[in-house]
C-alpha atoms as a PDB file:
ATOM      1  CA  UNK A   1     -51.907  69.197 -15.455  1.00  0.00           C
ATOM      2  CA  UNK A   2     -52.094  72.846 -16.479  1.00  0.00           C
ATOM      3  CA  UNK A   3     -54.265  73.921 -19.431  1.00  0.00           C
ATOM      4  CA  UNK A   4     -52.618  73.892 -22.851  1.00  0.00           C
ATOM      5  CA  UNK A   5     -52.463  77.667 -23.228  1.00  0.00           C
ATOM      6  CA  UNK A   6     -50.625  78.083 -19.935  1.00  0.00           C
ATOM      7  CA  UNK A   7     -47.318  77.069 -21.556  1.00  0.00           C
ATOM      8  CA  UNK A   8     -47.794  78.021 -25.182  1.00  0.00           C
ATOM      9  CA  UNK A   9     -44.513  79.920 -25.712  1.00  0.00           C
ATOM     10  CA  UNK A  10     -41.139  78.233 -25.210  1.00  0.00           C
ATOM     11  CA  UNK A  11     -37.519  79.244 -25.577  1.00  0.00           C
ATOM     12  CA  UNK A  12     -35.201  76.656 -27.104  1.00  0.00           C
ATOM     13  CA  UNK A  13     -31.483  76.697 -27.835  1.00  0.00           C
ATOM     14  CA  UNK A  14     -32.011  78.315 -31.235  1.00  0.00           C
ATOM     15  CA  UNK A  15     -35.579  79.652 -31.417  1.00  0.00           C
ATOM     16  CA  UNK A  16     -38.811  80.669 -29.771  1.00  0.00           C
ATOM     17  CA  UNK A  17     -41.596  78.212 -30.508  1.00  0.00           C
ATOM     18  CA  UNK A  18     -45.196  79.377 -30.261  1.00  0.00           C
ATOM     19  CA  UNK A  19     -48.405  77.358 -30.251  1.00  0.00           C
ATOM     20  CA  UNK A  20     -50.471  78.601 -33.199  1.00  0.00           C
ATOM     21  CA  UNK A  21     -53.676  79.863 -31.589  1.00  0.00           C
ATOM     22  CA  UNK A  22     -55.269  80.435 -34.971  1.00  0.00           C
ATOM     23  CA  UNK A  23     -55.534  76.645 -35.297  1.00  0.00           C
ATOM     24  CA  UNK A  24     -56.081  75.663 -31.667  1.00  0.00           C
ATOM     25  CA  UNK A  25     -57.881  73.574 -30.387  1.00  0.00           C
ATOM     26  CA  UNK A  26     -58.447  71.637 -33.610  1.00  0.00           C
ATOM     27  CA  UNK A  27     -54.719  71.271 -34.254  1.00  0.00           C
ATOM     28  CA  UNK A  28     -51.635  71.538 -32.049  1.00  0.00           C
ATOM     29  CA  UNK A  29     -49.178  73.262 -34.380  1.00  0.00           C
ATOM     30  CA  UNK A  30     -46.050  75.042 -33.161  1.00  0.00           C
ATOM     31  CA  UNK A  31     -44.543  77.945 -35.107  1.00  0.00           C
ATOM     32  CA  UNK A  32     -40.764  78.222 -34.938  1.00  0.00           C
ATOM     33  CA  UNK A  33     -39.304  81.750 -34.801  1.00  0.00           C
ATOM     34  CA  UNK A  34     -35.528  81.974 -35.160  1.00  0.00           C
ATOM     35  CA  UNK A  35     -35.245  85.763 -34.766  1.00  0.00           C
ATOM     36  CA  UNK A  36     -36.885  88.556 -32.821  1.00  0.00           C
ATOM     37  CA  UNK A  37     -38.290  89.862 -36.099  1.00  0.00           C
ATOM     38  CA  UNK A  38     -39.980  86.537 -36.784  1.00  0.00           C
ATOM     39  CA  UNK A  39     -41.529  86.664 -33.303  1.00  0.00           C
ATOM     40  CA  UNK A  40     -42.809  90.196 -33.987  1.00  0.00           C
ATOM     41  CA  UNK A  41     -44.402  89.016 -37.231  1.00  0.00           C
ATOM     42  CA  UNK A  42     -45.991  86.050 -35.436  1.00  0.00           C
ATOM     43  CA  UNK A  43     -47.492  88.413 -32.870  1.00  0.00           C
ATOM     44  CA  UNK A  44     -48.821  90.683 -35.628  1.00  0.00           C
ATOM     45  CA  UNK A  45     -50.277  87.714 -37.477  1.00  0.00           C
ATOM     46  CA  UNK A  46     -52.185  86.527 -34.383  1.00  0.00           C
ATOM     47  CA  UNK A  47     -50.206  83.312 -33.994  1.00  0.00           C
ATOM     48  CA  UNK A  48     -50.309  84.108 -30.280  1.00  0.00           C
ATOM     49  CA  UNK A  49     -52.831  86.206 -28.367  1.00  0.00           C
ATOM     50  CA  UNK A  50     -53.902  87.197 -24.853  1.00  0.00           C
ATOM     51  CA  UNK A  51     -50.903  86.672 -22.540  1.00  0.00           C
ATOM     52  CA  UNK A  52     -48.972  84.882 -25.277  1.00  0.00           C
ATOM     53  CA  UNK A  53     -47.411  88.012 -26.808  1.00  0.00           C
ATOM     54  CA  UNK A  54     -45.951  88.949 -23.419  1.00  0.00           C
ATOM     55  CA  UNK A  55     -44.073  85.669 -23.107  1.00  0.00           C
ATOM     56  CA  UNK A  56     -43.135  85.766 -26.790  1.00  0.00           C
ATOM     57  CA  UNK A  57     -41.646  89.242 -26.422  1.00  0.00           C
ATOM     58  CA  UNK A  58     -39.635  88.213 -23.360  1.00  0.00           C
ATOM     59  CA  UNK A  59     -37.979  85.359 -25.187  1.00  0.00           C
ATOM     60  CA  UNK A  60     -37.665  87.248 -28.466  1.00  0.00           C
ATOM     61  CA  UNK A  61     -35.402  89.636 -26.586  1.00  0.00           C
ATOM     62  CA  UNK A  62     -33.214  86.671 -25.648  1.00  0.00           C
ATOM     63  CA  UNK A  63     -32.984  85.773 -29.346  1.00  0.00           C
ATOM     64  CA  UNK A  64     -31.965  89.376 -30.068  1.00  0.00           C
ATOM     65  CA  UNK A  65     -29.291  89.200 -27.364  1.00  0.00           C
ATOM     66  CA  UNK A  66     -27.917  85.980 -28.823  1.00  0.00           C
ATOM     67  CA  UNK A  67     -27.863  87.499 -32.311  1.00  0.00           C
ATOM     68  CA  UNK A  68     -25.968  90.623 -31.247  1.00  0.00           C
ATOM     69  CA  UNK A  69     -23.708  89.287 -28.499  1.00  0.00           C
ATOM     70  CA  UNK A  70     -20.668  89.566 -30.797  1.00  0.00           C
ATOM     71  CA  UNK A  71     -21.041  93.355 -31.103  1.00  0.00           C
ATOM     72  CA  UNK A  72     -19.374  95.939 -28.877  1.00  0.00           C
ATOM     73  CA  UNK A  73     -21.457  96.601 -25.774  1.00  0.00           C
ATOM     74  CA  UNK A  74     -22.955  99.912 -26.920  1.00  0.00           C
ATOM     75  CA  UNK A  75     -23.866  98.571 -30.355  1.00  0.00           C
ATOM     76  CA  UNK A  76     -25.386  95.424 -28.878  1.00  0.00           C
ATOM     77  CA  UNK A  77     -27.483  97.468 -26.446  1.00  0.00           C
ATOM     78  CA  UNK A  78     -28.677  99.685 -29.291  1.00  0.00           C
ATOM     79  CA  UNK A  79     -29.640  96.621 -31.330  1.00  0.00           C
ATOM     80  CA  UNK A  80     -31.606  95.256 -28.391  1.00  0.00           C
ATOM     81  CA  UNK A  81     -33.407  98.562 -28.063  1.00  0.00           C
ATOM     82  CA  UNK A  82     -34.344  98.440 -31.732  1.00  0.00           C
ATOM     83  CA  UNK A  83     -35.609  94.875 -31.385  1.00  0.00           C
ATOM     84  CA  UNK A  84     -37.641  95.921 -28.374  1.00  0.00           C
ATOM     85  CA  UNK A  85     -39.223  98.831 -30.232  1.00  0.00           C
ATOM     86  CA  UNK A  86     -40.210  96.510 -33.052  1.00  0.00           C
ATOM     87  CA  UNK A  87     -41.836  94.062 -30.650  1.00  0.00           C
ATOM     88  CA  UNK A  88     -43.754  96.817 -28.865  1.00  0.00           C
ATOM     89  CA  UNK A  89     -45.068  98.118 -32.182  1.00  0.00           C
ATOM     90  CA  UNK A  90     -46.366  94.696 -33.219  1.00  0.00           C
ATOM     91  CA  UNK A  91     -49.525  95.093 -31.072  1.00  0.00           C
ATOM     92  CA  UNK A  92     -49.556  98.656 -29.703  1.00  0.00           C
ATOM     93  CA  UNK A  93     -52.748  98.713 -27.619  1.00  0.00           C
ATOM     94  CA  UNK A  94     -51.759  96.199 -24.954  1.00  0.00           C
ATOM     95  CA  UNK A  95     -48.850  97.434 -22.842  1.00  0.00           C
ATOM     96  CA  UNK A  96     -47.697  93.912 -21.912  1.00  0.00           C
ATOM     97  CA  UNK A  97     -45.164  94.051 -24.729  1.00  0.00           C
ATOM     98  CA  UNK A  98     -43.654  97.239 -23.353  1.00  0.00           C
ATOM     99  CA  UNK A  99     -43.410  95.622 -19.912  1.00  0.00           C
ATOM    100  CA  UNK A 100     -41.761  92.510 -21.331  1.00  0.00           C
ATOM    101  CA  UNK A 101     -39.132  94.511 -23.182  1.00  0.00           C
ATOM    102  CA  UNK A 102     -38.490  96.695 -20.143  1.00  0.00           C
ATOM    103  CA  UNK A 103     -38.023  93.641 -17.915  1.00  0.00           C
ATOM    104  CA  UNK A 104     -35.279  92.273 -20.156  1.00  0.00           C
ATOM    105  CA  UNK A 105     -33.552  95.599 -20.788  1.00  0.00           C
ATOM    106  CA  UNK A 106     -33.460  96.404 -17.067  1.00  0.00           C
ATOM    107  CA  UNK A 107     -31.474  93.235 -16.438  1.00  0.00           C
ATOM    108  CA  UNK A 108     -29.242  93.824 -19.467  1.00  0.00           C
ATOM    109  CA  UNK A 109     -28.434  97.295 -18.167  1.00  0.00           C
ATOM    110  CA  UNK A 110     -27.132  95.771 -14.948  1.00  0.00           C
ATOM    111  CA  UNK A 111     -23.856  95.285 -16.842  1.00  0.00           C
ATOM    112  CA  UNK A 112     -23.641  91.502 -16.851  1.00  0.00           C
ATOM    113  CA  UNK A 113     -22.947  89.189 -19.817  1.00  0.00           C
ATOM    114  CA  UNK A 114     -25.483  90.151 -22.484  1.00  0.00           C
ATOM    115  CA  UNK A 115     -27.087  86.780 -23.181  1.00  0.00           C
ATOM    116  CA  UNK A 116     -27.033  85.668 -19.561  1.00  0.00           C
ATOM    117  CA  UNK A 117     -28.583  88.951 -18.444  1.00  0.00           C
ATOM    118  CA  UNK A 118     -31.282  88.866 -21.130  1.00  0.00           C
ATOM    119  CA  UNK A 119     -32.150  85.276 -20.269  1.00  0.00           C
ATOM    120  CA  UNK A 120     -32.289  86.087 -16.580  1.00  0.00           C
ATOM    121  CA  UNK A 121     -34.492  89.112 -17.265  1.00  0.00           C
ATOM    122  CA  UNK A 122     -36.863  87.062 -19.427  1.00  0.00           C
ATOM    123  CA  UNK A 123     -37.163  84.306 -16.850  1.00  0.00           C
ATOM    124  CA  UNK A 124     -37.764  86.827 -14.068  1.00  0.00           C
ATOM    125  CA  UNK A 125     -40.363  88.601 -16.187  1.00  0.00           C
ATOM    126  CA  UNK A 126     -42.109  85.310 -16.836  1.00  0.00           C
ATOM    127  CA  UNK A 127     -42.155  84.384 -13.146  1.00  0.00           C
ATOM    128  CA  UNK A 128     -43.336  87.838 -12.052  1.00  0.00           C
ATOM    129  CA  UNK A 129     -46.179  87.879 -14.571  1.00  0.00           C
ATOM    130  CA  UNK A 130     -47.386  84.486 -13.402  1.00  0.00           C
ATOM    131  CA  UNK A 131     -47.177  85.509  -9.758  1.00  0.00           C
ATOM    132  CA  UNK A 132     -49.073  88.738 -10.400  1.00  0.00           C
ATOM    133  CA  UNK A 133     -51.709  86.838 -12.384  1.00  0.00           C
ATOM    134  CA  UNK A 134     -52.051  84.387  -9.510  1.00  0.00           C
ATOM    135  CA  UNK A 135     -52.633  87.266  -7.064  1.00  0.00           C
ATOM    136  CA  UNK A 136     -55.120  88.852  -9.457  1.00  0.00           C
ATOM    137  CA  UNK A 137     -56.932  85.530  -9.749  1.00  0.00           C
ATOM    138  CA  UNK A 138     -57.227  85.219  -5.974  1.00  0.00           C
ATOM    139  CA  UNK A 139     -58.699  88.713  -5.678  1.00  0.00           C
ATOM    140  CA  UNK A 140     -61.111  88.012  -8.535  1.00  0.00           C
ATOM    141  CA  UNK A 141     -62.254  84.709  -7.073  1.00  0.00           C
ATOM    142  CA  UNK A 142     -63.021  86.418  -3.771  1.00  0.00           C
ATOM    143  CA  UNK A 143     -65.531  88.638  -5.565  1.00  0.00           C
ATOM    144  CA  UNK A 144     -67.389  85.721  -7.154  1.00  0.00           C
ATOM    145  CA  UNK A 145     -70.007  84.102  -4.906  1.00  0.00           C
ATOM    146  CA  UNK A 146     -70.555  80.376  -4.888  1.00  0.00           C
ATOM    147  CA  UNK A 147     -72.856  79.510  -7.762  1.00  0.00           C
ATOM    148  CA  UNK A 148     -72.024  82.648  -9.744  1.00  0.00           C
ATOM    149  CA  UNK A 149     -72.821  82.619 -13.449  1.00  0.00           C
ATOM    150  CA  UNK A 150     -70.153  84.621 -15.280  1.00  0.00           C
ATOM    151  CA  UNK A 151     -70.387  86.198 -18.719  1.00  0.00           C
ATOM    152  CA  UNK A 152     -67.046  86.852 -20.366  1.00  0.00           C
ATOM    153  CA  UNK A 153     -65.593  88.071 -23.647  1.00  0.00           C
ATOM    154  CA  UNK A 154     -62.237  87.148 -25.216  1.00  0.00           C
ATOM    155  CA  UNK A 155     -60.666  86.180 -21.914  1.00  0.00           C
ATOM    156  CA  UNK A 156     -58.098  83.437 -22.006  1.00  0.00           C
ATOM    157  CA  UNK A 157     -54.707  82.496 -20.652  1.00  0.00           C
ATOM    158  CA  UNK A 158     -53.103  83.647 -17.394  1.00  0.00           C
ATOM    159  CA  UNK A 159     -55.891  85.728 -15.828  1.00  0.00           C
ATOM    160  CA  UNK A 160     -58.535  83.173 -16.735  1.00  0.00           C
ATOM    161  CA  UNK A 161     -56.518  80.180 -15.585  1.00  0.00           C
ATOM    162  CA  UNK A 162     -55.538  81.729 -12.274  1.00  0.00           C
ATOM    163  CA  UNK A 163     -59.055  82.979 -11.535  1.00  0.00           C
ATOM    164  CA  UNK A 164     -60.584  79.577 -12.176  1.00  0.00           C
ATOM    165  CA  UNK A 165     -57.845  77.854 -10.178  1.00  0.00           C
ATOM    166  CA  UNK A 166     -58.514  80.186  -7.237  1.00  0.00           C
ATOM    167  CA  UNK A 167     -62.265  79.577  -7.501  1.00  0.00           C
ATOM    168  CA  UNK A 168     -61.655  75.836  -7.432  1.00  0.00           C
ATOM    169  CA  UNK A 169     -59.284  76.082  -4.453  1.00  0.00           C
ATOM    170  CA  UNK A 170     -62.008  77.974  -2.599  1.00  0.00           C
ATOM    171  CA  UNK A 171     -64.455  75.151  -3.293  1.00  0.00           C
ATOM    172  CA  UNK A 172     -66.834  77.389  -5.223  1.00  0.00           C
ATOM    173  CA  UNK A 173     -69.024  76.252  -8.082  1.00  0.00           C
ATOM    174  CA  UNK A 174     -68.875  78.890 -10.839  1.00  0.00           C
ATOM    175  CA  UNK A 175     -70.109  78.552 -14.425  1.00  0.00           C
ATOM    176  CA  UNK A 176     -69.226  80.603 -17.494  1.00  0.00           C
ATOM    177  CA  UNK A 177     -70.956  81.919 -20.586  1.00  0.00           C
ATOM    178  CA  UNK A 178     -68.468  82.792 -23.333  1.00  0.00           C
ATOM    179  CA  UNK A 179     -68.986  84.984 -26.362  1.00  0.00           C
ATOM    180  CA  UNK A 180     -67.494  83.607 -29.571  1.00  0.00           C
ATOM    181  CA  UNK A 181     -65.412  86.780 -30.169  1.00  0.00           C
ATOM    182  CA  UNK A 182     -65.303  87.310 -33.915  1.00  0.00           C
ATOM    183  CA  UNK A 183     -63.486  87.337 -36.272  1.00  0.00           C
ATOM    184  CA  UNK A 184     -60.832  85.045 -34.738  1.00  0.00           C
ATOM    185  CA  UNK A 185     -63.262  83.248 -32.421  1.00  0.00           C
ATOM    186  CA  UNK A 186     -60.943  83.508 -29.436  1.00  0.00           C
ATOM    187  CA  UNK A 187     -63.854  83.057 -27.061  1.00  0.00           C
ATOM    188  CA  UNK A 188     -65.063  79.928 -28.799  1.00  0.00           C
ATOM    189  CA  UNK A 189     -61.669  78.344 -29.399  1.00  0.00           C
ATOM    190  CA  UNK A 190     -59.453  79.641 -26.588  1.00  0.00           C
ATOM    191  CA  UNK A 191     -61.560  80.797 -23.631  1.00  0.00           C
ATOM    192  CA  UNK A 192     -64.231  78.103 -23.808  1.00  0.00           C
ATOM    193  CA  UNK A 193     -61.677  75.369 -24.508  1.00  0.00           C
ATOM    194  CA  UNK A 194     -59.494  76.402 -21.563  1.00  0.00           C
ATOM    195  CA  UNK A 195     -62.505  76.470 -19.235  1.00  0.00           C
ATOM    196  CA  UNK A 196     -63.544  73.037 -20.473  1.00  0.00           C
ATOM    197  CA  UNK A 197     -60.002  71.730 -19.930  1.00  0.00           C
ATOM    198  CA  UNK A 198     -60.274  72.936 -16.320  1.00  0.00           C
ATOM    199  CA  UNK A 199     -63.575  71.143 -15.815  1.00  0.00           C
ATOM    200  CA  UNK A 200     -65.749  74.256 -15.647  1.00  0.00           C
ATOM    201  CA  UNK A 201     -69.393  74.332 -16.749  1.00  0.00           C
ATOM    202  CA  UNK A 202     -69.143  76.362 -19.975  1.00  0.00           C
ATOM    203  CA  UNK A 203     -71.732  77.681 -22.419  1.00  0.00           C
ATOM    204  CA  UNK A 204     -70.917  79.353 -25.747  1.00  0.00           C
ATOM    205  CA  UNK A 205     -73.050  82.130 -27.256  1.00  0.00           C
ATOM    206  CA  UNK A 206     -72.664  84.239 -30.379  1.00  0.00           C
ATOM    207  CA  UNK A 207     -71.443  87.814 -30.033  1.00  0.00           C
ATOM    208  CA  UNK A 208     -74.926  89.133 -30.749  1.00  0.00           C
ATOM    209  CA  UNK A 209     -76.514  87.306 -27.805  1.00  0.00           C
ATOM    210  CA  UNK A 210     -74.835  89.180 -24.933  1.00  0.00           C
ATOM    211  CA  UNK A 211     -77.552  91.740 -24.262  1.00  0.00           C
ATOM    212  CA  UNK A 212     -80.244  89.062 -24.480  1.00  0.00           C
ATOM    213  CA  UNK A 213     -78.448  86.882 -21.930  1.00  0.00           C
ATOM    214  CA  UNK A 214     -78.017  89.850 -19.609  1.00  0.00           C
ATOM    215  CA  UNK A 215     -81.631  90.970 -19.934  1.00  0.00           C
ATOM    216  CA  UNK A 216     -82.889  87.459 -19.204  1.00  0.00           C
ATOM    217  CA  UNK A 217     -81.009  87.314 -15.897  1.00  0.00           C
ATOM    218  CA  UNK A 218     -78.967  84.342 -17.042  1.00  0.00           C
ATOM    219  CA  UNK A 219     -75.694  85.700 -15.608  1.00  0.00           C
ATOM    220  CA  UNK A 220     -74.690  87.427 -12.372  1.00  0.00           C
ATOM    221  CA  UNK A 221     -71.511  89.212 -13.406  1.00  0.00           C
ATOM    222  CA  UNK A 222     -69.616  90.338 -16.494  1.00  0.00           C
ATOM    223  CA  UNK A 223     -65.926  89.563 -16.017  1.00  0.00           C
ATOM    224  CA  UNK A 224     -63.248  90.208 -18.604  1.00  0.00           C
ATOM    225  CA  UNK A 225     -59.559  90.861 -18.761  1.00  0.00           C
ATOM    226  CA  UNK A 226     -58.385  94.279 -19.946  1.00  0.00           C
ATOM    227  CA  UNK A 227     -55.579  94.979 -22.361  1.00  0.00           C
ATOM    228  CA  UNK A 228     -55.078  98.269 -20.580  1.00  0.00           C
ATOM    229  CA  UNK A 229     -56.800 100.356 -17.896  1.00  0.00           C
ATOM    230  CA  UNK A 230     -56.139 104.086 -17.793  1.00  0.00           C
ATOM    231  CA  UNK A 231     -55.572 106.004 -14.601  1.00  0.00           C
ATOM    232  CA  UNK A 232     -58.992 107.635 -14.916  1.00  0.00           C
ATOM    233  CA  UNK A 233     -60.704 104.251 -15.127  1.00  0.00           C
ATOM    234  CA  UNK A 234     -61.284 103.611 -18.830  1.00  0.00           C
ATOM    235  CA  UNK A 235     -61.095  99.919 -19.714  1.00  0.00           C
ATOM    236  CA  UNK A 236     -59.495  99.055 -23.054  1.00  0.00           C
ATOM    237  CA  UNK A 237     -60.215  95.529 -24.215  1.00  0.00           C
ATOM    238  CA  UNK A 238     -61.166  93.397 -27.203  1.00  0.00           C
ATOM    239  CA  UNK A 239     -63.769  95.140 -29.350  1.00  0.00           C
ATOM    240  CA  UNK A 240     -67.234  94.134 -28.168  1.00  0.00           C
ATOM    241  CA  UNK A 241     -66.467  94.675 -24.498  1.00  0.00           C
ATOM    242  CA  UNK A 242     -68.056  98.138 -24.576  1.00  0.00           C
ATOM    243  CA  UNK A 243     -71.378  96.825 -25.853  1.00  0.00           C
ATOM    244  CA  UNK A 244     -71.487  94.143 -23.182  1.00  0.00           C
ATOM    245  CA  UNK A 245     -70.566  96.636 -20.457  1.00  0.00           C
ATOM    246  CA  UNK A 246     -73.310  99.042 -21.510  1.00  0.00           C
ATOM    247  CA  UNK A 247     -75.864  96.210 -21.597  1.00  0.00           C
ATOM    248  CA  UNK A 248     -74.682  94.921 -18.213  1.00  0.00           C
ATOM    249  CA  UNK A 249     -75.078  98.398 -16.739  1.00  0.00           C
ATOM    250  CA  UNK A 250     -78.585  98.684 -18.206  1.00  0.00           C
ATOM    251  CA  UNK A 251     -79.661  95.421 -16.589  1.00  0.00           C
ATOM    252  CA  UNK A 252     -77.930  95.901 -13.244  1.00  0.00           C
ATOM    253  CA  UNK A 253     -75.158  93.339 -13.763  1.00  0.00           C
ATOM    254  CA  UNK A 254     -71.750  94.406 -12.394  1.00  0.00           C
ATOM    255  CA  UNK A 255     -68.780  94.584 -14.762  1.00  0.00           C
ATOM    256  CA  UNK A 256     -65.448  93.516 -13.258  1.00  0.00           C
ATOM    257  CA  UNK A 257     -62.367  94.218 -15.363  1.00  0.00           C
ATOM    258  CA  UNK A 258     -59.036  92.529 -14.650  1.00  0.00           C
ATOM    259  CA  UNK A 259     -55.633  94.106 -15.181  1.00  0.00           C
ATOM    260  CA  UNK A 260     -52.432  93.536 -13.266  1.00  0.00           C
ATOM    261  CA  UNK A 261     -51.884  97.279 -12.894  1.00  0.00           C
ATOM    262  CA  UNK A 262     -53.496 100.471 -14.182  1.00  0.00           C
ATOM    263  CA  UNK A 263     -51.104 102.118 -16.616  1.00  0.00           C
ATOM    264  CA  UNK A 264     -49.309 105.186 -15.294  1.00  0.00           C
ATOM    265  CA  UNK A 265     -48.361 106.048 -18.877  1.00  0.00           C
ATOM    266  CA  UNK A 266     -52.039 106.327 -19.833  1.00  0.00           C
ATOM    267  CA  UNK A 267     -53.732 109.064 -17.853  1.00  0.00           C
ATOM    268  CA  UNK A 268     -56.798 108.981 -20.115  1.00  0.00           C
ATOM    269  CA  UNK A 269     -58.121 106.920 -23.003  1.00  0.00           C
ATOM    270  CA  UNK A 270     -56.575 109.434 -25.399  1.00  0.00           C
ATOM    271  CA  UNK A 271     -53.166 108.096 -24.329  1.00  0.00           C
ATOM    272  CA  UNK A 272     -53.903 104.569 -25.596  1.00  0.00           C
ATOM    273  CA  UNK A 273     -53.401 103.780 -29.309  1.00  0.00           C
ATOM    274  CA  UNK A 274     -56.237 101.644 -30.625  1.00  0.00           C
ATOM    275  CA  UNK A 275     -55.002  99.059 -33.091  1.00  0.00           C
ATOM    276  CA  UNK A 276     -56.915  98.946 -36.367  1.00  0.00           C
ATOM    277  CA  UNK A 277     -56.393  95.694 -38.225  1.00  0.00           C
ATOM    278  CA  UNK A 278     -56.956  94.983 -41.899  1.00  0.00           C
ATOM    279  CA  UNK A 279     -60.665  95.068 -42.652  1.00  0.00           C
ATOM    280  CA  UNK A 280     -60.259  91.931 -44.761  1.00  0.00           C
ATOM    281  CA  UNK A 281     -59.954  89.978 -41.500  1.00  0.00           C
ATOM    282  CA  UNK A 282     -63.607  90.544 -40.587  1.00  0.00           C
ATOM    283  CA  UNK A 283     -64.625  89.126 -43.967  1.00  0.00           C
ATOM    284  CA  UNK A 284     -63.195  85.725 -43.072  1.00  0.00           C
ATOM    285  CA  UNK A 285     -63.728  83.224 -40.262  1.00  0.00           C
ATOM    286  CA  UNK A 286     -61.223  80.414 -39.735  1.00  0.00           C
ATOM    287  CA  UNK A 287     -59.990  80.895 -43.270  1.00  0.00           C
ATOM    288  CA  UNK A 288     -63.424  80.799 -44.888  1.00  0.00           C
ATOM    289  CA  UNK A 289     -64.741  83.880 -46.673  1.00  0.00           C
ATOM    290  CA  UNK A 290     -67.930  85.309 -45.160  1.00  0.00           C
ATOM    291  CA  UNK A 291     -68.373  88.392 -47.388  1.00  0.00           C
ATOM    292  CA  UNK A 292     -67.718  89.125 -51.034  1.00  0.00           C
ATOM    293  CA  UNK A 293     -64.985  91.320 -52.464  1.00  0.00           C
ATOM    294  CA  UNK A 294     -67.614  94.013 -53.091  1.00  0.00           C
ATOM    295  CA  UNK A 295     -67.994  94.558 -49.320  1.00  0.00           C
ATOM    296  CA  UNK A 296     -65.625  96.693 -47.260  1.00  0.00           C
ATOM    297  CA  UNK A 297     -64.440  95.444 -43.862  1.00  0.00           C
ATOM    298  CA  UNK A 298     -63.674  97.579 -40.800  1.00  0.00           C
ATOM    299  CA  UNK A 299     -61.783  96.237 -37.800  1.00  0.00           C
ATOM    300  CA  UNK A 300     -60.843  98.295 -34.754  1.00  0.00           C
ATOM    301  CA  UNK A 301     -59.431  95.459 -32.638  1.00  0.00           C
ATOM    302  CA  UNK A 302     -60.207  97.115 -29.291  1.00  0.00           C
ATOM    303  CA  UNK A 303     -62.786  99.418 -27.773  1.00  0.00           C
ATOM    304  CA  UNK A 304     -62.845 101.674 -24.718  1.00  0.00           C
ATOM    305  CA  UNK A 305     -65.384 101.315 -21.918  1.00  0.00           C
ATOM    306  CA  UNK A 306     -65.907 104.509 -19.865  1.00  0.00           C
ATOM    307  CA  UNK A 307     -65.595 104.149 -16.081  1.00  0.00           C
ATOM    308  CA  UNK A 308     -69.311 104.788 -15.489  1.00  0.00           C
ATOM    309  CA  UNK A 309     -69.989 101.301 -16.878  1.00  0.00           C
ATOM    310  CA  UNK A 310     -67.306  99.602 -14.750  1.00  0.00           C
ATOM    311  CA  UNK A 311     -68.091  98.424 -11.228  1.00  0.00           C
ATOM    312  CA  UNK A 312     -64.605  97.261 -10.211  1.00  0.00           C
ATOM    313  CA  UNK A 313     -61.081  97.010 -11.592  1.00  0.00           C
ATOM    314  CA  UNK A 314     -59.403  93.909 -10.138  1.00  0.00           C
ATOM    315  CA  UNK A 315     -55.603  94.063  -9.939  1.00  0.00           C
ATOM    316  CA  UNK A 316     -52.819  91.995  -8.438  1.00  0.00           C
ATOM    317  CA  UNK A 317     -53.118  94.262  -5.369  1.00  0.00           C
ATOM    318  CA  UNK A 318     -56.854  93.842  -5.002  1.00  0.00           C
ATOM    319  CA  UNK A 319     -60.044  95.465  -6.270  1.00  0.00           C
ATOM    320  CA  UNK A 320     -60.370  99.199  -6.893  1.00  0.00           C
ATOM    321  CA  UNK A 321     -63.217 101.441  -7.924  1.00  0.00           C
ATOM    322  CA  UNK A 322     -62.442 102.915 -11.357  1.00  0.00           C
ATOM    323  CA  UNK A 323     -62.179 106.416  -9.847  1.00  0.00           C
ATOM    324  CA  UNK A 324     -59.704 105.271  -7.180  1.00  0.00           C
ATOM    325  CA  UNK A 325     -56.940 103.712  -9.249  1.00  0.00           C
ATOM    326  CA  UNK A 326     -54.308 106.203  -8.127  1.00  0.00           C
ATOM    327  CA  UNK A 327     -54.223 104.282  -4.850  1.00  0.00           C
ATOM    328  CA  UNK A 328     -52.716 101.297  -6.661  1.00  0.00           C
ATOM    329  CA  UNK A 329     -49.502 103.231  -7.197  1.00  0.00           C
ATOM    330  CA  UNK A 330     -49.508 104.918  -3.795  1.00  0.00           C
ATOM    331  CA  UNK A 331     -46.542 104.745  -1.441  1.00  0.00           C
ATOM    332  CA  UNK A 332     -48.567 102.635   0.991  1.00  0.00           C
ATOM    333  CA  UNK A 333     -49.209  99.913  -1.564  1.00  0.00           C
ATOM    334  CA  UNK A 334     -45.653 100.068  -2.872  1.00  0.00           C
ATOM    335  CA  UNK A 335     -44.170  99.633   0.604  1.00  0.00           C
ATOM    336  CA  UNK A 336     -46.437  96.734   1.343  1.00  0.00           C
ATOM    337  CA  UNK A 337     -46.225  94.897  -1.954  1.00  0.00           C
ATOM    338  CA  UNK A 338     -42.737  95.356  -3.325  1.00  0.00           C
ATOM    339  CA  UNK A 339     -40.274  92.543  -2.571  1.00  0.00           C
END
């Protein structure tokens, strides 16, 4: 049986339903979204995270197609474009949303029936993402020796599941140390829970313990997903990744960052918008206030790790040095990998 988070977004006849990750694993609550706008709000409100927004955006586009199918073709296409822009803007740092919208619109632009084309595009986008994650997981597992002790940060869902599955298929014994990942505790509630569901030896630490764990030689590798990797090798991921990467570099522990593909639209880190969330969020944990109203909160949701602190970027086409990412998009790789 696959881990819970592997199928946490579903399309129904009249809605997209999303497992509420703000309450997981203590409760299994599904949020019903009847429109693309409601899906966008759910993404903004952190109902779904990690790979979840990608799947949610795919199927939100199907809802938009259903809602506008009665319009003339040009008007319907324009409405879909507007819905797509809204979804992309809901979490601007990760480019998965842009890819999801593009996957659906490409099929819609083939000229077929609007709803059928959008549904087909969403299903194809879903299947392709899972296949690419599976390939990425295989390449990642190959880099982890038997007995490896892995430190990670805010790393859940497709990349995590496929990496662990590949490790298990290879018969390797790998253990994980997870940071809690404040303020939403994704590491404690999502990453650690998914690892435990898969039967992996898992230890939880607070966010402030990373450097101590690295200095004590308790882990062999730092492995995280990346929300985006620029063409010049900067890794954009959940805030806190930079500090761990710097500490790992200081103590001789390699940092491996996973992304399906380096982003051609982001030549440098300056091309990636960093989402800043409401500072009030850092003053609460799981709904409980942790600071008074007299204290100001500050919450950049992502940080940027320079390539000098990154050993390897692992993609669906294999591992690359951070200064060699242009090869991912080379004609040789495209000829070999494209179906």
